[in-house]
C-alpha atoms as a PDB file:
ATOM      1  CA  MET A   1      60.925 206.483 -50.384  1.00  0.00           C
ATOM      2  CA  TRP A   2      61.222 203.968 -47.640  1.00  0.00           C
ATOM      3  CA  PRO A   3      64.459 201.916 -47.212  1.00  0.00           C
ATOM      4  CA  ASN A   4      64.717 198.531 -48.947  1.00  0.00           C
ATOM      5  CA  ARG A   5      62.661 196.029 -47.099  1.00  0.00           C
ATOM      6  CA  ASP A   6      65.288 193.193 -47.219  1.00  0.00           C
ATOM      7  CA  SER A   7      67.928 195.549 -45.848  1.00  0.00           C
ATOM      8  CA  THR A   8      65.555 196.643 -43.057  1.00  0.00           C
ATOM      9  CA  ASP A   9      64.785 192.935 -42.181  1.00  0.00           C
ATOM     10  CA  ARG A  10      68.518 192.160 -41.951  1.00  0.00           C
ATOM     11  CA  LEU A  11      69.126 195.035 -39.632  1.00  0.00           C
ATOM     12  CA  LEU A  12      66.170 194.054 -37.508  1.00  0.00           C
ATOM     13  CA  ASP A  13      67.531 190.545 -37.195  1.00  0.00           C
ATOM     14  CA  ASP A  14      70.963 191.971 -36.152  1.00  0.00           C
ATOM     15  CA  ALA A  15      69.261 194.226 -33.686  1.00  0.00           C
ATOM     16  CA  ARG A  16      67.291 191.269 -32.290  1.00  0.00           C
ATOM     17  CA  ALA A  17      70.576 189.499 -31.861  1.00  0.00           C
ATOM     18  CA  GLY A  18      71.792 192.280 -29.686  1.00  0.00           C
ATOM     19  CA  ASP A  19      74.036 194.331 -32.181  1.00  0.00           C
ATOM     20  CA  PRO A  20      73.808 197.973 -30.924  1.00  0.00           C
ATOM     21  CA  ALA A  21      75.503 199.173 -34.204  1.00  0.00           C
ATOM     22  CA  ALA A  22      72.671 197.592 -36.135  1.00  0.00           C
ATOM     23  CA  VAL A  23      70.110 199.641 -34.226  1.00  0.00           C
ATOM     24  CA  ASP A  24      71.948 202.863 -34.999  1.00  0.00           C
ATOM     25  CA  ARG A  25      72.117 201.984 -38.769  1.00  0.00           C
ATOM     26  CA  LEU A  26      68.550 200.912 -38.724  1.00  0.00           C
ATOM     27  CA  LEU A  27      67.228 204.089 -37.286  1.00  0.00           C
ATOM     28  CA  GLY A  28      69.655 206.238 -39.329  1.00  0.00           C
ATOM     29  CA  GLU A  29      68.235 204.873 -42.564  1.00  0.00           C
ATOM     30  CA  PHE A  30      64.688 206.034 -41.612  1.00  0.00           C
ATOM     31  CA  ARG A  31      65.725 209.553 -40.565  1.00  0.00           C
ATOM     32  CA  GLU A  32      65.189 211.193 -44.017  1.00  0.00           C
ATOM     33  CA  PRO A  33      61.879 209.245 -44.862  1.00  0.00           C
ATOM     34  CA  LEU A  34      60.463 210.259 -41.549  1.00  0.00           C
ATOM     35  CA  ARG A  35      61.438 213.903 -42.118  1.00  0.00           C
ATOM     36  CA  ARG A  36      59.546 213.887 -45.347  1.00  0.00           C
ATOM     37  CA  VAL A  37      56.499 212.195 -43.905  1.00  0.00           C
ATOM     38  CA  ILE A  38      56.432 214.657 -41.110  1.00  0.00           C
ATOM     39  CA  GLY A  39      57.224 217.740 -43.151  1.00  0.00           C
ATOM     40  CA  LEU A  40      54.371 217.050 -45.527  1.00  0.00           C
ATOM     41  CA  ARG A  41      51.876 216.830 -42.711  1.00  0.00           C
ATOM     42  CA  LEU A  42      52.878 219.756 -40.536  1.00  0.00           C
ATOM     43  CA  ASP A  43      50.474 222.659 -40.574  1.00  0.00           C
ATOM     44  CA  PRO A  44      52.337 225.525 -42.308  1.00  0.00           C
ATOM     45  CA  ALA A  45      51.785 227.946 -39.390  1.00  0.00           C
ATOM     46  CA  VAL A  46      53.116 225.274 -36.903  1.00  0.00           C
ATOM     47  CA  ALA A  47      56.047 224.604 -39.252  1.00  0.00           C
ATOM     48  CA  ARG A  48      57.268 228.125 -38.637  1.00  0.00           C
ATOM     49  CA  ARG A  49      57.746 227.272 -34.978  1.00  0.00           C
ATOM     50  CA  VAL A  50      58.628 223.591 -35.027  1.00  0.00           C
ATOM     51  CA  ASP A  51      61.302 222.034 -37.382  1.00  0.00           C
ATOM     52  CA  ALA A  52      60.354 218.643 -38.736  1.00  0.00           C
ATOM     53  CA  SER A  53      63.812 217.451 -37.873  1.00  0.00           C
ATOM     54  CA  ASP A  54      63.139 218.058 -34.232  1.00  0.00           C
ATOM     55  CA  ILE A  55      60.044 215.782 -34.414  1.00  0.00           C
ATOM     56  CA  VAL A  56      62.020 213.224 -36.263  1.00  0.00           C
ATOM     57  CA  GLN A  57      64.573 213.128 -33.474  1.00  0.00           C
ATOM     58  CA  ASP A  58      61.769 212.699 -30.906  1.00  0.00           C
ATOM     59  CA  VAL A  59      60.295 209.842 -32.931  1.00  0.00           C
ATOM     60  CA  LEU A  60      63.687 208.054 -33.279  1.00  0.00           C
ATOM     61  CA  ILE A  61      64.349 208.378 -29.529  1.00  0.00           C
ATOM     62  CA  GLU A  62      60.919 206.835 -28.848  1.00  0.00           C
ATOM     63  CA  ALA A  63      61.552 204.145 -31.375  1.00  0.00           C
ATOM     64  CA  ASN A  64      64.881 203.288 -29.740  1.00  0.00           C
ATOM     65  CA  GLN A  65      63.239 203.070 -26.336  1.00  0.00           C
ATOM     66  CA  ARG A  66      60.386 200.776 -27.605  1.00  0.00           C
ATOM     67  CA  LEU A  67      62.448 198.700 -30.058  1.00  0.00           C
ATOM     68  CA  THR A  68      62.832 195.708 -27.798  1.00  0.00           C
ATOM     69  CA  ASP A  69      59.121 195.409 -27.382  1.00  0.00           C
ATOM     70  CA  TYR A  70      58.638 195.823 -31.118  1.00  0.00           C
ATOM     71  CA  LEU A  71      61.168 193.170 -31.898  1.00  0.00           C
ATOM     72  CA  LYS A  72      59.410 190.735 -29.567  1.00  0.00           C
ATOM     73  CA  LYS A  73      56.053 191.362 -31.265  1.00  0.00           C
ATOM     74  CA  PRO A  74      56.299 192.967 -34.673  1.00  0.00           C
ATOM     75  CA  ASP A  75      52.567 193.500 -35.436  1.00  0.00           C
ATOM     76  CA  MET A  76      53.226 195.540 -38.522  1.00  0.00           C
ATOM     77  CA  PRO A  77      56.124 196.281 -40.876  1.00  0.00           C
ATOM     78  CA  PHE A  78      58.809 198.425 -39.251  1.00  0.00           C
ATOM     79  CA  HIS A  79      58.235 201.424 -41.581  1.00  0.00           C
ATOM     80  CA  LEU A  80      54.576 201.440 -40.719  1.00  0.00           C
ATOM     81  CA  TRP A  81      55.393 201.134 -36.994  1.00  0.00           C
ATOM     82  CA  LEU A  82      57.674 204.185 -37.272  1.00  0.00           C
ATOM     83  CA  ARG A  83      55.172 206.272 -39.234  1.00  0.00           C
ATOM     84  CA  HIS A  84      52.521 205.354 -36.614  1.00  0.00           C
ATOM     85  CA  LEU A  85      54.900 206.854 -33.956  1.00  0.00           C
ATOM     86  CA  ALA A  86      55.432 209.901 -36.233  1.00  0.00           C
ATOM     87  CA  GLN A  87      51.696 210.455 -36.693  1.00  0.00           C
ATOM     88  CA  ASP A  88      51.187 210.431 -32.905  1.00  0.00           C
ATOM     89  CA  ARG A  89      53.915 213.053 -32.595  1.00  0.00           C
ATOM     90  CA  ILE A  90      52.376 215.103 -35.338  1.00  0.00           C
ATOM     91  CA  ILE A  91      48.984 215.153 -33.640  1.00  0.00           C
ATOM     92  CA  ASP A  92      50.577 216.086 -30.368  1.00  0.00           C
ATOM     93  CA  THR A  93      52.513 218.895 -31.909  1.00  0.00           C
ATOM     94  CA  HIS A  94      49.508 220.358 -33.591  1.00  0.00           C
ATOM     95  CA  ARG A  95      47.494 220.061 -30.411  1.00  0.00           C
ATOM     96  CA  ARG A  96      50.083 222.013 -28.400  1.00  0.00           C
ATOM     97  CA  HIS A  97      50.833 224.669 -31.051  1.00  0.00           C
ATOM     98  CA  ARG A  98      47.477 225.105 -32.701  1.00  0.00           C
ATOM     99  CA  LEU A  99      45.105 224.814 -29.757  1.00  0.00           C
ATOM    100  CA  ALA A 100      47.169 225.974 -26.713  1.00  0.00           C
ATOM    101  CA  GLN A 101      48.636 228.918 -28.692  1.00  0.00           C
ATOM    102  CA  ARG A 102      46.080 229.392 -31.429  1.00  0.00           C
ATOM    103  CA  ARG A 103      46.056 233.192 -31.488  1.00  0.00           C
ATOM    104  CA  SER A 104      49.784 233.722 -31.576  1.00  0.00           C
ATOM    105  CA  VAL A 105      50.493 231.059 -34.196  1.00  0.00           C
ATOM    106  CA  ASP A 106      47.577 232.100 -36.444  1.00  0.00           C
ATOM    107  CA  ARG A 107      48.860 235.622 -36.660  1.00  0.00           C
ATOM    108  CA  GLU A 108      52.035 234.428 -38.257  1.00  0.00           C
ATOM    109  CA  GLN A 109      52.514 234.408 -42.015  1.00  0.00           C
ATOM    110  CA  PRO A 110      51.987 230.909 -43.262  1.00  0.00           C
ATOM    111  CA  ILE A 111      54.547 229.145 -45.367  1.00  0.00           C
ATOM    112  CA  ALA A 112      54.094 226.782 -48.310  1.00  0.00           C
ATOM    113  CA  ARG A 113      54.141 223.056 -47.673  1.00  0.00           C
ATOM    114  CA  PRO A 114      57.252 221.220 -48.912  1.00  0.00           C
ATOM    115  CA  ALA A 115      57.184 220.550 -52.580  1.00  0.00           C
ATOM    116  CA  TRP A 116      56.466 216.967 -53.808  1.00  0.00           C
ATOM    117  CA  ALA A 117      59.377 215.140 -55.425  1.00  0.00           C
ATOM    118  CA  GLU A 118      59.136 215.378 -59.165  1.00  0.00           C
ATOM    119  CA  GLU A 119      58.820 211.656 -59.590  1.00  0.00           C
ATOM    120  CA  SER A 120      55.840 211.569 -57.284  1.00  0.00           C
ATOM    121  CA  SER A 121      54.047 214.350 -58.974  1.00  0.00           C
ATOM    122  CA  ALA A 122      54.683 212.975 -62.456  1.00  0.00           C
ATOM    123  CA  SER A 123      53.432 209.575 -61.395  1.00  0.00           C
ATOM    124  CA  LEU A 124      50.217 211.051 -60.009  1.00  0.00           C
ATOM    125  CA  VAL A 125      49.713 213.386 -62.975  1.00  0.00           C
ATOM    126  CA  ALA A 126      49.818 210.422 -65.296  1.00  0.00           C
ATOM    127  CA  GLN A 127      46.864 208.882 -63.548  1.00  0.00           C
ATOM    128  CA  LEU A 128      44.844 211.994 -63.787  1.00  0.00           C
ATOM    129  CA  ILE A 129      44.865 212.706 -67.494  1.00  0.00           C
ATOM    130  CA  ASP A 130      44.783 210.869 -70.823  1.00  0.00           C
ATOM    131  CA  THR A 131      48.001 208.923 -71.173  1.00  0.00           C
ATOM    132  CA  GLU A 132      48.183 209.341 -74.982  1.00  0.00           C
ATOM    133  CA  ARG A 133      51.012 211.725 -75.555  1.00  0.00           C
ATOM    134  CA  THR A 134      49.621 214.609 -77.689  1.00  0.00           C
ATOM    135  CA  PRO A 135      50.588 218.374 -77.615  1.00  0.00           C
ATOM    136  CA  THR A 136      47.398 219.010 -75.724  1.00  0.00           C
ATOM    137  CA  SER A 137      48.003 216.322 -73.082  1.00  0.00           C
ATOM    138  CA  GLU A 138      51.655 217.432 -72.725  1.00  0.00           C
ATOM    139  CA  ALA A 139      50.596 220.978 -72.039  1.00  0.00           C
ATOM    140  CA  ILE A 140      48.034 219.788 -69.551  1.00  0.00           C
ATOM    141  CA  ALA A 141      50.490 217.610 -67.777  1.00  0.00           C
ATOM    142  CA  HIS A 142      52.986 220.491 -67.436  1.00  0.00           C
ATOM    143  CA  GLU A 143      50.294 222.632 -65.926  1.00  0.00           C
ATOM    144  CA  LEU A 144      49.050 219.925 -63.634  1.00  0.00           C
ATOM    145  CA  ARG A 145      52.456 219.292 -62.226  1.00  0.00           C
ATOM    146  CA  ARG A 146      52.697 223.092 -61.398  1.00  0.00           C
ATOM    147  CA  ARG A 147      49.334 223.067 -59.710  1.00  0.00           C
ATOM    148  CA  LEU A 148      49.474 219.607 -58.061  1.00  0.00           C
ATOM    149  CA  GLU A 149      50.741 220.558 -54.687  1.00  0.00           C
ATOM    150  CA  ALA A 150      48.168 223.375 -54.197  1.00  0.00           C
ATOM    151  CA  ALA A 151      45.405 220.999 -55.422  1.00  0.00           C
ATOM    152  CA  VAL A 152      46.296 218.256 -52.848  1.00  0.00           C
ATOM    153  CA  ASP A 153      46.216 220.938 -50.133  1.00  0.00           C
ATOM    154  CA  GLN A 154      42.608 221.633 -51.090  1.00  0.00           C
ATOM    155  CA  LEU A 155      41.509 218.004 -50.393  1.00  0.00           C
ATOM    156  CA  GLY A 156      39.942 216.908 -47.181  1.00  0.00           C
ATOM    157  CA  ASP A 157      42.200 215.435 -44.600  1.00  0.00           C
ATOM    158  CA  ASP A 158      41.267 211.739 -45.435  1.00  0.00           C
ATOM    159  CA  ASP A 159      41.740 212.221 -49.133  1.00  0.00           C
ATOM    160  CA  ARG A 160      44.997 214.100 -48.773  1.00  0.00           C
ATOM    161  CA  GLU A 161      46.465 211.543 -46.448  1.00  0.00           C
ATOM    162  CA  VAL A 162      45.778 208.618 -48.740  1.00  0.00           C
ATOM    163  CA  VAL A 163      47.194 210.478 -51.726  1.00  0.00           C
ATOM    164  CA  LEU A 164      50.390 211.258 -49.776  1.00  0.00           C
ATOM    165  CA  MET A 165      50.689 207.677 -48.580  1.00  0.00           C
ATOM    166  CA  ARG A 166      50.330 206.223 -51.994  1.00  0.00           C
ATOM    167  CA  HIS A 167      52.301 208.734 -54.114  1.00  0.00           C
ATOM    168  CA  THR A 168      54.906 210.383 -51.735  1.00  0.00           C
ATOM    169  CA  GLU A 169      55.576 207.432 -49.448  1.00  0.00           C
ATOM    170  CA  GLY A 170      55.012 204.719 -52.129  1.00  0.00           C
ATOM    171  CA  LEU A 171      52.957 202.575 -49.823  1.00  0.00           C
ATOM    172  CA  SER A 172      51.030 199.643 -51.367  1.00  0.00           C
ATOM    173  CA  ASN A 173      47.272 199.495 -50.970  1.00  0.00           C
ATOM    174  CA  GLN A 174      47.780 196.682 -48.397  1.00  0.00           C
ATOM    175  CA  GLU A 175      50.133 198.829 -46.347  1.00  0.00           C
ATOM    176  CA  VAL A 176      47.729 201.756 -46.483  1.00  0.00           C
ATOM    177  CA  ALA A 177      44.995 199.517 -45.266  1.00  0.00           C
ATOM    178  CA  HIS A 178      47.121 198.346 -42.365  1.00  0.00           C
ATOM    179  CA  ALA A 179      48.217 201.843 -41.480  1.00  0.00           C
ATOM    180  CA  LEU A 180      44.610 203.267 -41.447  1.00  0.00           C
ATOM    181  CA  GLY A 181      42.930 200.225 -39.912  1.00  0.00           C
ATOM    182  CA  LEU A 182      40.807 199.557 -43.012  1.00  0.00           C
ATOM    183  CA  THR A 183      40.136 196.527 -45.161  1.00  0.00           C
ATOM    184  CA  GLU A 184      42.092 196.480 -48.436  1.00  0.00           C
ATOM    185  CA  ALA A 185      38.824 197.065 -50.367  1.00  0.00           C
ATOM    186  CA  ALA A 186      37.943 200.077 -48.221  1.00  0.00           C
ATOM    187  CA  ALA A 187      41.518 201.528 -48.597  1.00  0.00           C
ATOM    188  CA  SER A 188      41.304 201.032 -52.342  1.00  0.00           C
ATOM    189  CA  MET A 189      37.872 202.792 -52.534  1.00  0.00           C
ATOM    190  CA  ARG A 190      39.131 205.717 -50.422  1.00  0.00           C
ATOM    191  CA  TYR A 191      42.166 206.108 -52.796  1.00  0.00           C
ATOM    192  CA  LEU A 192      40.016 205.969 -55.905  1.00  0.00           C
ATOM    193  CA  ARG A 193      37.646 208.616 -54.528  1.00  0.00           C
ATOM    194  CA  ALA A 194      40.597 210.767 -53.524  1.00  0.00           C
ATOM    195  CA  LEU A 195      41.889 210.692 -57.081  1.00  0.00           C
ATOM    196  CA  ARG A 196      38.493 211.545 -58.526  1.00  0.00           C
ATOM    197  CA  ARG A 197      38.207 214.611 -56.185  1.00  0.00           C
ATOM    198  CA  LEU A 198      41.798 215.618 -57.081  1.00  0.00           C
ATOM    199  CA  ARG A 199      41.009 215.308 -60.673  1.00  0.00           C
ATOM    200  CA  GLY A 200      37.977 217.479 -60.108  1.00  0.00           C
ATOM    201  CA  VAL A 201      40.152 220.189 -58.604  1.00  0.00           C
ATOM    202  CA  LEU A 202      42.896 219.963 -61.279  1.00  0.00           C
ATOM    203  CA  VAL A 203      40.615 219.498 -64.243  1.00  0.00           C
ATOM    204  CA  PRO A 204      37.271 221.098 -63.357  1.00  0.00           C
ATOM    205  CA  ASP A 205      35.399 220.153 -66.548  1.00  0.00           C
ATOM    206  CA  GLY A 206      32.402 218.750 -64.796  1.00  0.00           C
ATOM    207  CA  SER A 207      33.307 215.135 -65.419  1.00  0.00           C
ATOM    208  CA  ALA A 208      34.730 214.360 -62.023  1.00  0.00           C
ATOM    209  CA  GLY A 209      32.122 215.698 -59.745  1.00  0.00           C
ATOM    210  CA  GLU A 210      30.655 214.182 -56.613  1.00  0.00           C
ATOM    211  CA  ALA A 211      27.997 212.473 -58.674  1.00  0.00           C
ATOM    212  CA  ASP A 212      30.653 210.086 -59.997  1.00  0.00           C
ATOM    213  CA  LEU A 213      31.703 209.150 -56.500  1.00  0.00           C
END
């Protein structure tokens, strides 16, 4: 999902050297990944009033304004820095549109969250069921893909976030740990627990209950 790390590093080096065109290319490459990150996390009621692309534009403007400081002291990979800025914008957007205008927003008809990319859902489904390809497992996989997005929305915020980070954004466990301020061991445990809870929603056969956590 995120642009190639080597390409990003080259553009960062060019931007550090004072090339304004490199800054434009750098931020342009991250526009669509940021839109997906934001779109998946916007509350459906808020998404009726606020377009994810508008938030992306605000994030890129802020990133452009703060890029010099980041280049002097890059404490985290660039894509994690950008998604941190995006997360702050999402929180601010929800605060303004869900708290300050709760009544008017909540009366509106909610919309479905953006669908996952097929490769993301297929990858996750493969981890939730028996990988041996039998007629039964194939049928289950097809049904799970259909239900996956709704099931993820039933997870708690922490579980949903780590699943999206790993399977929609393709972040490594190390990157998730960095983004969430956790140790790698804690990030791995949170991810495994989220998968167990998700499996419990998708395949409620009693084998993935809270007792297993």
